[in-house]
C-alpha atoms as a PDB file:
ATOM      1  CA  MET A   1       1.592  -6.195  17.972  1.00  0.00           C
ATOM      2  CA  SER A   2       5.476  -7.087  18.505  1.00  0.00           C
ATOM      3  CA  ARG A   3       8.301  -5.483  16.836  1.00  0.00           C
ATOM      4  CA  GLU A   4       8.765  -8.135  14.665  1.00  0.00           C
ATOM      5  CA  GLN A   5       5.483  -7.791  13.020  1.00  0.00           C
ATOM      6  CA  LEU A   6       5.918  -4.613  12.570  1.00  0.00           C
ATOM      7  CA  LEU A   7       9.051  -4.587  10.789  1.00  0.00           C
ATOM      8  CA  GLU A   8       7.370  -7.248   8.557  1.00  0.00           C
ATOM      9  CA  GLU A   9       4.247  -5.443   7.983  1.00  0.00           C
ATOM     10  CA  LEU A  10       5.640  -2.162   7.259  1.00  0.00           C
ATOM     11  CA  LYS A  11       8.747  -3.891   4.951  1.00  0.00           C
ATOM     12  CA  THR A  12       5.592  -5.508   2.963  1.00  0.00           C
ATOM     13  CA  GLU A  13       4.361  -1.866   2.798  1.00  0.00           C
ATOM     14  CA  ILE A  14       7.264  -0.517   1.520  1.00  0.00           C
ATOM     15  CA  GLU A  15       7.918  -2.999  -1.219  1.00  0.00           C
ATOM     16  CA  THR A  16       3.768  -2.446  -2.327  1.00  0.00           C
ATOM     17  CA  LYS A  17       4.329   1.364  -2.189  1.00  0.00           C
ATOM     18  CA  ARG A  18       7.970   0.860  -5.003  1.00  0.00           C
ATOM     19  CA  LYS A  19       6.010  -1.181  -6.953  1.00  0.00           C
ATOM     20  CA  GLU A  20       3.224   1.286  -7.649  1.00  0.00           C
ATOM     21  CA  LEU A  21       5.760   3.766  -7.435  1.00  0.00           C
ATOM     22  CA  ASN A  22       7.488   2.534 -10.345  1.00  0.00           C
ATOM     23  CA  LEU A  23       4.345   1.760 -12.179  1.00  0.00           C
ATOM     24  CA  LEU A  24       3.603   5.567 -12.236  1.00  0.00           C
ATOM     25  CA  VAL A  25       6.569   6.384 -13.443  1.00  0.00           C
ATOM     26  CA  VAL A  26       6.493   4.260 -16.246  1.00  0.00           C
ATOM     27  CA  LYS A  27       2.842   5.426 -16.908  1.00  0.00           C
ATOM     28  CA  ASP A  28       4.141   9.322 -17.427  1.00  0.00           C
ATOM     29  CA  ILE A  29       1.396  10.134 -14.348  1.00  0.00           C
ATOM     30  CA  ASN A  30       1.451  13.542 -13.010  1.00  0.00           C
ATOM     31  CA  ARG A  31       4.784  14.906 -10.983  1.00  0.00           C
ATOM     32  CA  ASP A  32       3.041  16.211  -8.012  1.00  0.00           C
ATOM     33  CA  GLU A  33       1.534  12.397  -7.528  1.00  0.00           C
ATOM     34  CA  VAL A  34       5.046  10.884  -7.962  1.00  0.00           C
ATOM     35  CA  LEU A  35       6.712  13.099  -5.759  1.00  0.00           C
ATOM     36  CA  LYS A  36       3.585  12.879  -2.961  1.00  0.00           C
ATOM     37  CA  PHE A  37       3.593   8.723  -3.424  1.00  0.00           C
ATOM     38  CA  SER A  38       7.749   8.810  -3.475  1.00  0.00           C
ATOM     39  CA  VAL A  39       7.247  11.037   0.165  1.00  0.00           C
ATOM     40  CA  GLU A  40       4.952   8.652   1.263  1.00  0.00           C
ATOM     41  CA  LEU A  41       7.502   6.083   0.672  1.00  0.00           C
ATOM     42  CA  ASP A  42      10.572   7.859   2.089  1.00  0.00           C
ATOM     43  CA  LYS A  43       8.341   7.790   5.651  1.00  0.00           C
ATOM     44  CA  LEU A  44       7.353   4.711   5.305  1.00  0.00           C
ATOM     45  CA  ILE A  45      10.947   3.332   4.931  1.00  0.00           C
ATOM     46  CA  ASP A  46      12.410   6.369   7.539  1.00  0.00           C
ATOM     47  CA  LYS A  47      10.092   4.780   9.909  1.00  0.00           C
ATOM     48  CA  TYR A  48      11.122   0.745   9.246  1.00  0.00           C
ATOM     49  CA  TYR A  49      14.892   1.892   9.588  1.00  0.00           C
ATOM     50  CA  SER A  50      13.993   3.651  12.955  1.00  0.00           C
ATOM     51  CA  ILE A  51      12.593   0.484  14.469  1.00  0.00           C
ATOM     52  CA  GLN A  52      15.096  -1.710  13.143  1.00  0.00           C
ATOM     53  CA  LEU A  53      17.776   0.447  15.031  1.00  0.00           C
ATOM     54  CA  ASP A  54      15.983   0.737  18.200  1.00  0.00           C
ATOM     55  CA  LYS A  55      16.034  -3.150  18.106  1.00  0.00           C
ATOM     56  CA  LYS A  56      20.074  -2.898  18.476  1.00  0.00           C
END
């Protein structure tokens, strides 16, 4: 998989997770679930930017 494809895939996954997290917050779901989801999102964002910076 090329770097561009990987970045695009990560970007899509980040957007999906962000939307899902927003829905969890609105639904007033268990705080532990929101935290877990937020950590997953942070990891994806970190991975995305790590790859993006390696590109430069």
